Amino acid sequence: MTSDILTVTAHDGPGASTVLKATGEIDRDSRERLRLVAEQAIIDGHPRVVIDLAAVTFCDSSGLSLLVDLHREAEAHGGWLRLAAAHAVLRDMLRITHLDRLFATYDTVEAAVEQP
């Protein structure tokens, strides 16, 4: 598999936030695409990152690990990582792994960017 199974687009949100829309599968073969886009946003002075997961159809343990890494990176730069619009299976994975305690999760991107 290649990174073609995942596309990531970025746009500016309110304040110093960036919204990343991920489409496809986040796994060991595609996760670098998301990492690169998220880290670039943080480096560019937008350490508040919302990842829109509405169009993510699959996420494996390496994808979850990446989300933890990105959370730490954002916090190290004075920001945060929020997850929005995750499907039920991914929300269940976050709950089972207790990562729902680490990530702020929202039903919509709008709700995620509205919070201070």
PDB file of N, CA and C in Angstrom:
ATOM      1  N   MET A   1       0.838  -1.182   0.000  1.00  0.00           N
ATOM      2  CA  MET A   1       0.000   0.000   0.000  1.00  0.00           C
ATOM      3  C   MET A   1       0.878   1.238   0.000  1.00  0.00           C
ATOM      4  N   THR A   2       0.332   2.328  -0.465  1.00  0.00           N
ATOM      5  CA  THR A   2       1.079   3.572  -0.519  1.00  0.00           C
ATOM      6  C   THR A   2       0.321   4.661   0.198  1.00  0.00           C
ATOM      7  N   SER A   3       0.955   5.828   0.296  1.00  0.00           N
ATOM      8  CA  SER A   3       0.310   6.947   0.961  1.00  0.00           C
ATOM      9  C   SER A   3      -0.872   7.482   0.160  1.00  0.00           C
ATOM     10  N   ASP A   4      -1.083   6.951  -1.064  1.00  0.00           N
ATOM     11  CA  ASP A   4      -2.233   7.365  -1.859  1.00  0.00           C
ATOM     12  C   ASP A   4      -3.556   6.969  -1.203  1.00  0.00           C
ATOM     13  N   ILE A   5      -3.490   6.095  -0.215  1.00  0.00           N
ATOM     14  CA  ILE A   5      -4.715   5.690   0.467  1.00  0.00           C
ATOM     15  C   ILE A   5      -5.170   6.733   1.476  1.00  0.00           C
ATOM     16  N   LEU A   6      -4.359   7.775   1.672  1.00  0.00           N
ATOM     17  CA  LEU A   6      -4.702   8.852   2.590  1.00  0.00           C
ATOM     18  C   LEU A   6      -4.379  10.190   1.951  1.00  0.00           C
ATOM     19  N   THR A   7      -5.345  11.070   1.976  1.00  0.00           N
ATOM     20  CA  THR A   7      -5.082  12.449   1.580  1.00  0.00           C
ATOM     21  C   THR A   7      -5.368  13.339   2.776  1.00  0.00           C
ATOM     22  N   VAL A   8      -4.610  14.411   2.865  1.00  0.00           N
ATOM     23  CA  VAL A   8      -4.767  15.351   3.968  1.00  0.00           C
ATOM     24  C   VAL A   8      -4.734  16.754   3.397  1.00  0.00           C
ATOM     25  N   THR A   9      -5.758  17.524   3.700  1.00  0.00           N
ATOM     26  CA  THR A   9      -5.780  18.926   3.301  1.00  0.00           C
ATOM     27  C   THR A   9      -5.836  19.774   4.566  1.00  0.00           C
ATOM     28  N   ALA A  10      -5.263  20.949   4.488  1.00  0.00           N
ATOM     29  CA  ALA A  10      -5.195  21.841   5.646  1.00  0.00           C
ATOM     30  C   ALA A  10      -5.795  23.190   5.296  1.00  0.00           C
ATOM     31  N   HIS A  11      -6.473  23.772   6.282  1.00  0.00           N
ATOM     32  CA  HIS A  11      -6.904  25.156   6.142  1.00  0.00           C
ATOM     33  C   HIS A  11      -6.880  25.821   7.513  1.00  0.00           C
ATOM     34  N   ASP A  12      -6.702  27.123   7.500  1.00  0.00           N
ATOM     35  CA  ASP A  12      -6.631  27.884   8.742  1.00  0.00           C
ATOM     36  C   ASP A  12      -7.980  27.912   9.432  1.00  0.00           C
ATOM     37  N   GLY A  13      -7.941  27.759  10.732  1.00  0.00           N
ATOM     38  CA  GLY A  13      -9.124  27.889  11.567  1.00  0.00           C
ATOM     39  C   GLY A  13      -8.999  29.161  12.382  1.00  0.00           C
ATOM     40  N   PRO A  14      -9.893  29.376  13.326  1.00  0.00           N
ATOM     41  CA  PRO A  14      -9.833  30.570  14.171  1.00  0.00           C
ATOM     42  C   PRO A  14      -8.556  30.607  15.012  1.00  0.00           C
ATOM     43  N   GLY A  15      -8.094  31.807  15.308  1.00  0.00           N
ATOM     44  CA  GLY A  15      -6.895  31.942  16.127  1.00  0.00           C
ATOM     45  C   GLY A  15      -5.700  31.323  15.444  1.00  0.00           C
ATOM     46  N   ALA A  16      -4.896  30.641  16.202  1.00  0.00           N
ATOM     47  CA  ALA A  16      -3.705  29.989  15.656  1.00  0.00           C
ATOM     48  C   ALA A  16      -3.981  28.516  15.385  1.00  0.00           C
ATOM     49  N   SER A  17      -5.190  28.204  14.929  1.00  0.00           N
ATOM     50  CA  SER A  17      -5.534  26.801  14.696  1.00  0.00           C
ATOM     51  C   SER A  17      -5.473  26.444  13.217  1.00  0.00           C
ATOM     52  N   THR A  18      -5.301  25.168  12.997  1.00  0.00           N
ATOM     53  CA  THR A  18      -5.332  24.597  11.659  1.00  0.00           C
ATOM     54  C   THR A  18      -6.267  23.404  11.685  1.00  0.00           C
ATOM     55  N   VAL A  19      -7.102  23.295  10.668  1.00  0.00           N
ATOM     56  CA  VAL A  19      -7.985  22.140  10.525  1.00  0.00           C
ATOM     57  C   VAL A  19      -7.416  21.255   9.427  1.00  0.00           C
ATOM     58  N   LEU A  20      -7.183  19.997   9.773  1.00  0.00           N
ATOM     59  CA  LEU A  20      -6.684  19.018   8.810  1.00  0.00           C
ATOM     60  C   LEU A  20      -7.813  18.053   8.496  1.00  0.00           C
ATOM     61  N   LYS A  21      -8.149  17.937   7.230  1.00  0.00           N
ATOM     62  CA  LYS A  21      -9.173  16.978   6.805  1.00  0.00           C
ATOM     63  C   LYS A  21      -8.459  15.759   6.240  1.00  0.00           C
ATOM     64  N   ALA A  22      -8.617  14.641   6.946  1.00  0.00           N
ATOM     65  CA  ALA A  22      -8.014  13.388   6.510  1.00  0.00           C
ATOM     66  C   ALA A  22      -9.080  12.566   5.789  1.00  0.00           C
ATOM     67  N   THR A  23      -8.693  12.002   4.649  1.00  0.00           N
ATOM     68  CA  THR A  23      -9.608  11.193   3.858  1.00  0.00           C
ATOM     69  C   THR A  23      -8.913   9.891   3.491  1.00  0.00           C
ATOM     70  N   GLY A  24      -9.517   8.782   3.885  1.00  0.00           N
ATOM     71  CA  GLY A  24      -8.949   7.477   3.553  1.00  0.00           C
ATOM     72  C   GLY A  24      -8.564   6.702   4.786  1.00  0.00           C
ATOM     73  N   GLU A  25      -7.434   5.994   4.705  1.00  0.00           N
ATOM     74  CA  GLU A  25      -6.985   5.104   5.765  1.00  0.00           C
ATOM     75  C   GLU A  25      -5.706   5.626   6.407  1.00  0.00           C
ATOM     76  N   ILE A  26      -5.686   5.591   7.742  1.00  0.00           N
ATOM     77  CA  ILE A  26      -4.474   5.962   8.472  1.00  0.00           C
ATOM     78  C   ILE A  26      -3.870   4.670   9.004  1.00  0.00           C
ATOM     79  N   ASP A  27      -2.755   4.267   8.399  1.00  0.00           N
ATOM     80  CA  ASP A  27      -2.078   3.052   8.831  1.00  0.00           C
ATOM     81  C   ASP A  27      -0.576   3.244   8.698  1.00  0.00           C
ATOM     82  N   ARG A  28       0.176   2.191   8.909  1.00  0.00           N
ATOM     83  CA  ARG A  28       1.638   2.313   8.912  1.00  0.00           C
ATOM     84  C   ARG A  28       2.198   2.766   7.570  1.00  0.00           C
ATOM     85  N   ASP A  29       1.475   2.504   6.499  1.00  0.00           N
ATOM     86  CA  ASP A  29       1.958   2.892   5.179  1.00  0.00           C
ATOM     87  C   ASP A  29       1.564   4.312   4.791  1.00  0.00           C
ATOM     88  N   SER A  30       0.579   4.875   5.462  1.00  0.00           N
ATOM     89  CA  SER A  30       0.083   6.191   5.039  1.00  0.00           C
ATOM     90  C   SER A  30       0.242   7.275   6.098  1.00  0.00           C
ATOM     91  N   ARG A  31       0.570   6.908   7.309  1.00  0.00           N
ATOM     92  CA  ARG A  31       0.578   7.864   8.415  1.00  0.00           C
ATOM     93  C   ARG A  31       1.550   9.025   8.235  1.00  0.00           C
ATOM     94  N   GLU A  32       2.615   8.817   7.486  1.00  0.00           N
ATOM     95  CA  GLU A  32       3.595   9.900   7.308  1.00  0.00           C
ATOM     96  C   GLU A  32       2.980  11.123   6.635  1.00  0.00           C
ATOM     97  N   ARG A  33       2.023  10.917   5.765  1.00  0.00           N
ATOM     98  CA  ARG A  33       1.359  12.051   5.109  1.00  0.00           C
ATOM     99  C   ARG A  33       0.698  12.943   6.156  1.00  0.00           C
ATOM    100  N   LEU A  34      -0.046  12.350   7.072  1.00  0.00           N
ATOM    101  CA  LEU A  34      -0.698  13.125   8.124  1.00  0.00           C
ATOM    102  C   LEU A  34       0.344  13.769   9.033  1.00  0.00           C
ATOM    103  N   ARG A  35       1.377  13.029   9.377  1.00  0.00           N
ATOM    104  CA  ARG A  35       2.436  13.572  10.231  1.00  0.00           C
ATOM    105  C   ARG A  35       3.069  14.816   9.595  1.00  0.00           C
ATOM    106  N   LEU A  36       3.407  14.730   8.336  1.00  0.00           N
ATOM    107  CA  LEU A  36       4.072  15.849   7.668  1.00  0.00           C
ATOM    108  C   LEU A  36       3.207  17.103   7.645  1.00  0.00           C
ATOM    109  N   VAL A  37       1.942  16.947   7.320  1.00  0.00           N
ATOM    110  CA  VAL A  37       1.046  18.106   7.237  1.00  0.00           C
ATOM    111  C   VAL A  37       0.822  18.705   8.622  1.00  0.00           C
ATOM    112  N   ALA A  38       0.608  17.859   9.629  1.00  0.00           N
ATOM    113  CA  ALA A  38       0.380  18.357  10.986  1.00  0.00           C
ATOM    114  C   ALA A  38       1.623  19.041  11.549  1.00  0.00           C
ATOM    115  N   GLU A  39       2.776  18.422  11.370  1.00  0.00           N
ATOM    116  CA  GLU A  39       4.006  19.022  11.880  1.00  0.00           C
ATOM    117  C   GLU A  39       4.325  20.334  11.178  1.00  0.00           C
ATOM    118  N   GLN A  40       4.016  20.429   9.889  1.00  0.00           N
ATOM    119  CA  GLN A  40       4.246  21.683   9.172  1.00  0.00           C
ATOM    120  C   GLN A  40       3.362  22.793   9.743  1.00  0.00           C
ATOM    121  N   ALA A  41       2.120  22.476  10.052  1.00  0.00           N
ATOM    122  CA  ALA A  41       1.220  23.470  10.658  1.00  0.00           C
ATOM    123  C   ALA A  41       1.787  23.958  11.985  1.00  0.00           C
ATOM    124  N   ILE A  42       2.262  23.033  12.794  1.00  0.00           N
ATOM    125  CA  ILE A  42       2.816  23.387  14.098  1.00  0.00           C
ATOM    126  C   ILE A  42       4.063  24.247  13.937  1.00  0.00           C
ATOM    127  N   ILE A  43       4.951  23.858  13.044  1.00  0.00           N
ATOM    128  CA  ILE A  43       6.177  24.614  12.786  1.00  0.00           C
ATOM    129  C   ILE A  43       5.858  26.015  12.267  1.00  0.00           C
ATOM    130  N   ASP A  44       4.792  26.126  11.481  1.00  0.00           N
ATOM    131  CA  ASP A  44       4.396  27.417  10.909  1.00  0.00           C
ATOM    132  C   ASP A  44       3.673  28.321  11.909  1.00  0.00           C
ATOM    133  N   GLY A  45       3.633  27.911  13.185  1.00  0.00           N
ATOM    134  CA  GLY A  45       3.038  28.747  14.211  1.00  0.00           C
ATOM    135  C   GLY A  45       1.566  28.518  14.452  1.00  0.00           C
ATOM    136  N   HIS A  46       1.069  27.356  14.049  1.00  0.00           N
ATOM    137  CA  HIS A  46      -0.337  26.990  14.278  1.00  0.00           C
ATOM    138  C   HIS A  46      -0.377  25.714  15.118  1.00  0.00           C
ATOM    139  N   PRO A  47      -0.034  25.815  16.429  1.00  0.00           N
ATOM    140  CA  PRO A  47       0.057  24.608  17.252  1.00  0.00           C
ATOM    141  C   PRO A  47      -1.283  24.066  17.730  1.00  0.00           C
ATOM    142  N   ARG A  48      -2.370  24.720  17.351  1.00  0.00           N
ATOM    143  CA  ARG A  48      -3.701  24.218  17.690  1.00  0.00           C
ATOM    144  C   ARG A  48      -4.247  23.500  16.466  1.00  0.00           C
ATOM    145  N   VAL A  49      -4.319  22.185  16.569  1.00  0.00           N
ATOM    146  CA  VAL A  49      -4.638  21.360  15.405  1.00  0.00           C
ATOM    147  C   VAL A  49      -5.920  20.565  15.655  1.00  0.00           C
ATOM    148  N   VAL A  50      -6.842  20.687  14.717  1.00  0.00           N
ATOM    149  CA  VAL A  50      -8.057  19.871  14.720  1.00  0.00           C
ATOM    150  C   VAL A  50      -7.949  18.913  13.536  1.00  0.00           C
ATOM    151  N   ILE A  51      -8.108  17.638  13.794  1.00  0.00           N
ATOM    152  CA  ILE A  51      -8.110  16.657  12.709  1.00  0.00           C
ATOM    153  C   ILE A  51      -9.543  16.215  12.480  1.00  0.00           C
ATOM    154  N   ASP A  52     -10.044  16.510  11.291  1.00  0.00           N
ATOM    155  CA  ASP A  52     -11.384  16.109  10.865  1.00  0.00           C
ATOM    156  C   ASP A  52     -11.291  14.673  10.362  1.00  0.00           C
ATOM    157  N   LEU A  53     -11.905  13.761  11.110  1.00  0.00           N
ATOM    158  CA  LEU A  53     -11.817  12.335  10.808  1.00  0.00           C
ATOM    159  C   LEU A  53     -13.069  11.792  10.129  1.00  0.00           C
ATOM    160  N   ALA A  54     -13.963  12.653   9.702  1.00  0.00           N
ATOM    161  CA  ALA A  54     -15.236  12.209   9.129  1.00  0.00           C
ATOM    162  C   ALA A  54     -15.048  11.279   7.937  1.00  0.00           C
ATOM    163  N   ALA A  55     -14.011  11.489   7.153  1.00  0.00           N
ATOM    164  CA  ALA A  55     -13.798  10.682   5.950  1.00  0.00           C
ATOM    165  C   ALA A  55     -12.706   9.618   6.124  1.00  0.00           C
ATOM    166  N   VAL A  56     -12.322   9.357   7.369  1.00  0.00           N
ATOM    167  CA  VAL A  56     -11.342   8.302   7.632  1.00  0.00           C
ATOM    168  C   VAL A  56     -12.098   6.984   7.770  1.00  0.00           C
ATOM    169  N   THR A  57     -11.724   6.032   6.923  1.00  0.00           N
ATOM    170  CA  THR A  57     -12.425   4.752   6.882  1.00  0.00           C
ATOM    171  C   THR A  57     -11.737   3.660   7.686  1.00  0.00           C
ATOM    172  N   PHE A  58     -10.484   3.902   8.085  1.00  0.00           N
ATOM    173  CA  PHE A  58      -9.717   2.892   8.815  1.00  0.00           C
ATOM    174  C   PHE A  58      -8.583   3.580   9.544  1.00  0.00           C
ATOM    175  N   CYS A  59      -8.292   3.098  10.748  1.00  0.00           N
ATOM    176  CA  CYS A  59      -7.144   3.586  11.505  1.00  0.00           C
ATOM    177  C   CYS A  59      -6.612   2.424  12.332  1.00  0.00           C
ATOM    178  N   ASP A  60      -5.329   2.089  12.144  1.00  0.00           N
ATOM    179  CA  ASP A  60      -4.755   0.986  12.913  1.00  0.00           C
ATOM    180  C   ASP A  60      -3.957   1.534  14.091  1.00  0.00           C
ATOM    181  N   SER A  61      -3.263   0.654  14.792  1.00  0.00           N
ATOM    182  CA  SER A  61      -2.524   1.065  15.992  1.00  0.00           C
ATOM    183  C   SER A  61      -1.415   2.066  15.675  1.00  0.00           C
ATOM    184  N   SER A  62      -0.823   1.980  14.495  1.00  0.00           N
ATOM    185  CA  SER A  62       0.208   2.960  14.137  1.00  0.00           C
ATOM    186  C   SER A  62      -0.416   4.331  13.917  1.00  0.00           C
ATOM    187  N   GLY A  63      -1.652   4.365  13.457  1.00  0.00           N
ATOM    188  CA  GLY A  63      -2.367   5.626  13.327  1.00  0.00           C
ATOM    189  C   GLY A  63      -2.675   6.219  14.685  1.00  0.00           C
ATOM    190  N   LEU A  64      -3.094   5.386  15.628  1.00  0.00           N
ATOM    191  CA  LEU A  64      -3.341   5.861  16.995  1.00  0.00           C
ATOM    192  C   LEU A  64      -2.050   6.374  17.621  1.00  0.00           C
ATOM    193  N   SER A  65      -0.957   5.654  17.392  1.00  0.00           N
ATOM    194  CA  SER A  65       0.341   6.084  17.901  1.00  0.00           C
ATOM    195  C   SER A  65       0.726   7.454  17.329  1.00  0.00           C
ATOM    196  N   LEU A  66       0.458   7.646  16.050  1.00  0.00           N
ATOM    197  CA  LEU A  66       0.732   8.940  15.433  1.00  0.00           C
ATOM    198  C   LEU A  66      -0.075  10.045  16.099  1.00  0.00           C
ATOM    199  N   LEU A  67      -1.345   9.788  16.384  1.00  0.00           N
ATOM    200  CA  LEU A  67      -2.165  10.805  17.039  1.00  0.00           C
ATOM    201  C   LEU A  67      -1.593  11.179  18.400  1.00  0.00           C
ATOM    202  N   VAL A  68      -1.079  10.200  19.133  1.00  0.00           N
ATOM    203  CA  VAL A  68      -0.439  10.481  20.425  1.00  0.00           C
ATOM    204  C   VAL A  68       0.799  11.350  20.209  1.00  0.00           C
ATOM    205  N   ASP A  69       1.617  10.999  19.218  1.00  0.00           N
ATOM    206  CA  ASP A  69       2.820  11.789  18.916  1.00  0.00           C
ATOM    207  C   ASP A  69       2.467  13.225  18.552  1.00  0.00           C
ATOM    208  N   LEU A  70       1.442  13.390  17.728  1.00  0.00           N
ATOM    209  CA  LEU A  70       1.035  14.734  17.312  1.00  0.00           C
ATOM    210  C   LEU A  70       0.476  15.529  18.491  1.00  0.00           C
ATOM    211  N   HIS A  71      -0.243  14.860  19.376  1.00  0.00           N
ATOM    212  CA  HIS A  71      -0.748  15.504  20.593  1.00  0.00           C
ATOM    213  C   HIS A  71       0.422  16.059  21.405  1.00  0.00           C
ATOM    214  N   ARG A  72       1.446  15.245  21.597  1.00  0.00           N
ATOM    215  CA  ARG A  72       2.628  15.671  22.371  1.00  0.00           C
ATOM    216  C   ARG A  72       3.347  16.831  21.676  1.00  0.00           C
ATOM    217  N   GLU A  73       3.469  16.738  20.375  1.00  0.00           N
ATOM    218  CA  GLU A  73       4.147  17.792  19.602  1.00  0.00           C
ATOM    219  C   GLU A  73       3.400  19.118  19.718  1.00  0.00           C
ATOM    220  N   ALA A  74       2.090  19.066  19.573  1.00  0.00           N
ATOM    221  CA  ALA A  74       1.288  20.291  19.674  1.00  0.00           C
ATOM    222  C   ALA A  74       1.418  20.898  21.074  1.00  0.00           C
ATOM    223  N   GLU A  75       1.318  20.067  22.103  1.00  0.00           N
ATOM    224  CA  GLU A  75       1.448  20.566  23.475  1.00  0.00           C
ATOM    225  C   GLU A  75       2.825  21.149  23.735  1.00  0.00           C
ATOM    226  N   ALA A  76       3.860  20.548  23.173  1.00  0.00           N
ATOM    227  CA  ALA A  76       5.223  21.044  23.355  1.00  0.00           C
ATOM    228  C   ALA A  76       5.396  22.443  22.761  1.00  0.00           C
ATOM    229  N   HIS A  77       4.531  22.786  21.811  1.00  0.00           N
ATOM    230  CA  HIS A  77       4.579  24.109  21.180  1.00  0.00           C
ATOM    231  C   HIS A  77       3.471  25.025  21.709  1.00  0.00           C
ATOM    232  N   GLY A  78       2.893  24.666  22.865  1.00  0.00           N
ATOM    233  CA  GLY A  78       1.890  25.512  23.496  1.00  0.00           C
ATOM    234  C   GLY A  78       0.491  25.378  22.922  1.00  0.00           C
ATOM    235  N   GLY A  79       0.243  24.319  22.187  1.00  0.00           N
ATOM    236  CA  GLY A  79      -1.064  24.144  21.556  1.00  0.00           C
ATOM    237  C   GLY A  79      -1.774  22.896  22.025  1.00  0.00           C
ATOM    238  N   TRP A  80      -2.599  22.357  21.167  1.00  0.00           N
ATOM    239  CA  TRP A  80      -3.363  21.149  21.457  1.00  0.00           C
ATOM    240  C   TRP A  80      -3.722  20.436  20.162  1.00  0.00           C
ATOM    241  N   LEU A  81      -4.146  19.186  20.321  1.00  0.00           N
ATOM    242  CA  LEU A  81      -4.669  18.387  19.212  1.00  0.00           C
ATOM    243  C   LEU A  81      -6.078  17.974  19.593  1.00  0.00           C
ATOM    244  N   ARG A  82      -7.025  18.240  18.703  1.00  0.00           N
ATOM    245  CA  ARG A  82      -8.417  17.840  18.907  1.00  0.00           C
ATOM    246  C   ARG A  82      -8.862  16.990  17.731  1.00  0.00           C
ATOM    247  N   LEU A  83      -9.710  16.022  18.036  1.00  0.00           N
ATOM    248  CA  LEU A  83     -10.242  15.136  17.011  1.00  0.00           C
ATOM    249  C   LEU A  83     -11.709  15.451  16.809  1.00  0.00           C
ATOM    250  N   ALA A  84     -12.136  15.474  15.559  1.00  0.00           N
ATOM    251  CA  ALA A  84     -13.526  15.813  15.246  1.00  0.00           C
ATOM    252  C   ALA A  84     -14.132  14.803  14.288  1.00  0.00           C
ATOM    253  N   ALA A  85     -15.405  14.530  14.504  1.00  0.00           N
ATOM    254  CA  ALA A  85     -16.247  13.762  13.589  1.00  0.00           C
ATOM    255  C   ALA A  85     -15.759  12.341  13.323  1.00  0.00           C
ATOM    256  N   ALA A  86     -15.148  11.717  14.325  1.00  0.00           N
ATOM    257  CA  ALA A  86     -14.695  10.331  14.161  1.00  0.00           C
ATOM    258  C   ALA A  86     -15.900   9.399  14.098  1.00  0.00           C
ATOM    259  N   HIS A  87     -15.808   8.389  13.244  1.00  0.00           N
ATOM    260  CA  HIS A  87     -16.856   7.383  13.141  1.00  0.00           C
ATOM    261  C   HIS A  87     -16.889   6.529  14.405  1.00  0.00           C
ATOM    262  N   ALA A  88     -17.969   5.816  14.597  1.00  0.00           N
ATOM    263  CA  ALA A  88     -18.186   5.029  15.816  1.00  0.00           C
ATOM    264  C   ALA A  88     -17.061   4.036  16.089  1.00  0.00           C
ATOM    265  N   VAL A  89     -16.548   3.374  15.064  1.00  0.00           N
ATOM    266  CA  VAL A  89     -15.492   2.380  15.265  1.00  0.00           C
ATOM    267  C   VAL A  89     -14.239   3.041  15.824  1.00  0.00           C
ATOM    268  N   LEU A  90     -13.870   4.188  15.290  1.00  0.00           N
ATOM    269  CA  LEU A  90     -12.684   4.885  15.779  1.00  0.00           C
ATOM    270  C   LEU A  90     -12.925   5.425  17.190  1.00  0.00           C
ATOM    271  N   ARG A  91     -14.116   5.938  17.443  1.00  0.00           N
ATOM    272  CA  ARG A  91     -14.433   6.393  18.808  1.00  0.00           C
ATOM    273  C   ARG A  91     -14.339   5.227  19.790  1.00  0.00           C
ATOM    274  N   ASP A  92     -14.803   4.056  19.375  1.00  0.00           N
ATOM    275  CA  ASP A  92     -14.693   2.871  20.237  1.00  0.00           C
ATOM    276  C   ASP A  92     -13.231   2.502  20.486  1.00  0.00           C
ATOM    277  N   MET A  93     -12.407   2.579  19.447  1.00  0.00           N
ATOM    278  CA  MET A  93     -10.975   2.286  19.610  1.00  0.00           C
ATOM    279  C   MET A  93     -10.346   3.254  20.607  1.00  0.00           C
ATOM    280  N   LEU A  94     -10.701   4.523  20.509  1.00  0.00           N
ATOM    281  CA  LEU A  94     -10.167   5.519  21.441  1.00  0.00           C
ATOM    282  C   LEU A  94     -10.614   5.214  22.872  1.00  0.00           C
ATOM    283  N   ARG A  95     -11.859   4.791  23.020  1.00  0.00           N
ATOM    284  CA  ARG A  95     -12.384   4.470  24.347  1.00  0.00           C
ATOM    285  C   ARG A  95     -11.703   3.227  24.913  1.00  0.00           C
ATOM    286  N   ILE A  96     -11.599   2.176  24.124  1.00  0.00           N
ATOM    287  CA  ILE A  96     -11.017   0.911  24.580  1.00  0.00           C
ATOM    288  C   ILE A  96      -9.550   1.085  24.971  1.00  0.00           C
ATOM    289  N   THR A  97      -8.835   1.916  24.252  1.00  0.00           N
ATOM    290  CA  THR A  97      -7.412   2.147  24.534  1.00  0.00           C
ATOM    291  C   THR A  97      -7.201   3.267  25.552  1.00  0.00           C
ATOM    292  N   HIS A  98      -8.287   3.833  26.028  1.00  0.00           N
ATOM    293  CA  HIS A  98      -8.270   4.944  26.987  1.00  0.00           C
ATOM    294  C   HIS A  98      -7.666   6.224  26.405  1.00  0.00           C
ATOM    295  N   LEU A  99      -7.517   6.279  25.110  1.00  0.00           N
ATOM    296  CA  LEU A  99      -7.017   7.497  24.480  1.00  0.00           C
ATOM    297  C   LEU A  99      -8.077   8.592  24.460  1.00  0.00           C
ATOM    298  N   ASP A 100      -9.325   8.211  24.708  1.00  0.00           N
ATOM    299  CA  ASP A 100     -10.366   9.237  24.809  1.00  0.00           C
ATOM    300  C   ASP A 100     -10.130  10.138  26.018  1.00  0.00           C
ATOM    301  N   ARG A 101      -9.288   9.685  26.942  1.00  0.00           N
ATOM    302  CA  ARG A 101      -8.908  10.507  28.095  1.00  0.00           C
ATOM    303  C   ARG A 101      -7.801  11.504  27.738  1.00  0.00           C
ATOM    304  N   LEU A 102      -7.074  11.201  26.686  1.00  0.00           N
ATOM    305  CA  LEU A 102      -5.980  12.062  26.249  1.00  0.00           C
ATOM    306  C   LEU A 102      -6.451  13.125  25.273  1.00  0.00           C
ATOM    307  N   PHE A 103      -7.293  12.726  24.330  1.00  0.00           N
ATOM    308  CA  PHE A 103      -7.731  13.626  23.271  1.00  0.00           C
ATOM    309  C   PHE A 103      -9.072  14.266  23.591  1.00  0.00           C
ATOM    310  N   ALA A 104      -9.166  15.535  23.274  1.00  0.00           N
ATOM    311  CA  ALA A 104     -10.474  16.184  23.267  1.00  0.00           C
ATOM    312  C   ALA A 104     -11.127  15.785  21.949  1.00  0.00           C
ATOM    313  N   THR A 105     -12.306  15.183  22.025  1.00  0.00           N
ATOM    314  CA  THR A 105     -13.012  14.752  20.819  1.00  0.00           C
ATOM    315  C   THR A 105     -14.331  15.496  20.714  1.00  0.00           C
ATOM    316  N   TYR A 106     -14.706  15.804  19.493  1.00  0.00           N
ATOM    317  CA  TYR A 106     -15.902  16.595  19.217  1.00  0.00           C
ATOM    318  C   TYR A 106     -16.682  15.945  18.099  1.00  0.00           C
ATOM    319  N   ASP A 107     -17.991  16.173  18.107  1.00  0.00           N
ATOM    320  CA  ASP A 107     -18.844  15.621  17.064  1.00  0.00           C
ATOM    321  C   ASP A 107     -18.625  16.306  15.728  1.00  0.00           C
ATOM    322  N   THR A 108     -18.252  17.588  15.768  1.00  0.00           N
ATOM    323  CA  THR A 108     -18.060  18.345  14.535  1.00  0.00           C
ATOM    324  C   THR A 108     -16.778  19.176  14.611  1.00  0.00           C
ATOM    325  N   VAL A 109     -16.282  19.547  13.457  1.00  0.00           N
ATOM    326  CA  VAL A 109     -15.125  20.440  13.393  1.00  0.00           C
ATOM    327  C   VAL A 109     -15.481  21.788  14.007  1.00  0.00           C
ATOM    328  N   GLU A 110     -16.676  22.256  13.714  1.00  0.00           N
ATOM    329  CA  GLU A 110     -17.102  23.557  14.236  1.00  0.00           C
ATOM    330  C   GLU A 110     -17.056  23.591  15.748  1.00  0.00           C
ATOM    331  N   ALA A 111     -17.524  22.529  16.403  1.00  0.00           N
ATOM    332  CA  ALA A 111     -17.484  22.462  17.860  1.00  0.00           C
ATOM    333  C   ALA A 111     -16.045  22.448  18.369  1.00  0.00           C
ATOM    334  N   ALA A 112     -15.159  21.758  17.665  1.00  0.00           N
ATOM    335  CA  ALA A 112     -13.769  21.669  18.086  1.00  0.00           C
ATOM    336  C   ALA A 112     -13.052  23.010  18.003  1.00  0.00           C
ATOM    337  N   VAL A 113     -13.311  23.776  16.963  1.00  0.00           N
ATOM    338  CA  VAL A 113     -12.605  25.055  16.812  1.00  0.00           C
ATOM    339  C   VAL A 113     -13.239  26.167  17.636  1.00  0.00           C
ATOM    340  N   GLU A 114     -14.478  25.993  18.049  1.00  0.00           N
ATOM    341  CA  GLU A 114     -15.151  27.027  18.850  1.00  0.00           C
ATOM    342  C   GLU A 114     -14.666  27.060  20.284  1.00  0.00           C
ATOM    343  N   GLN A 115     -14.184  25.945  20.796  1.00  0.00           N
ATOM    344  CA  GLN A 115     -13.734  25.890  22.187  1.00  0.00           C
ATOM    345  C   GLN A 115     -12.436  26.675  22.351  1.00  0.00           C
ATOM    346  N   PRO A 116     -12.325  27.394  23.468  1.00  0.00           N
ATOM    347  CA  PRO A 116     -11.076  28.161  23.708  1.00  0.00           C
ATOM    348  C   PRO A 116      -9.876  27.261  23.916  1.00  0.00           C
TER     349      PRO A 116
END
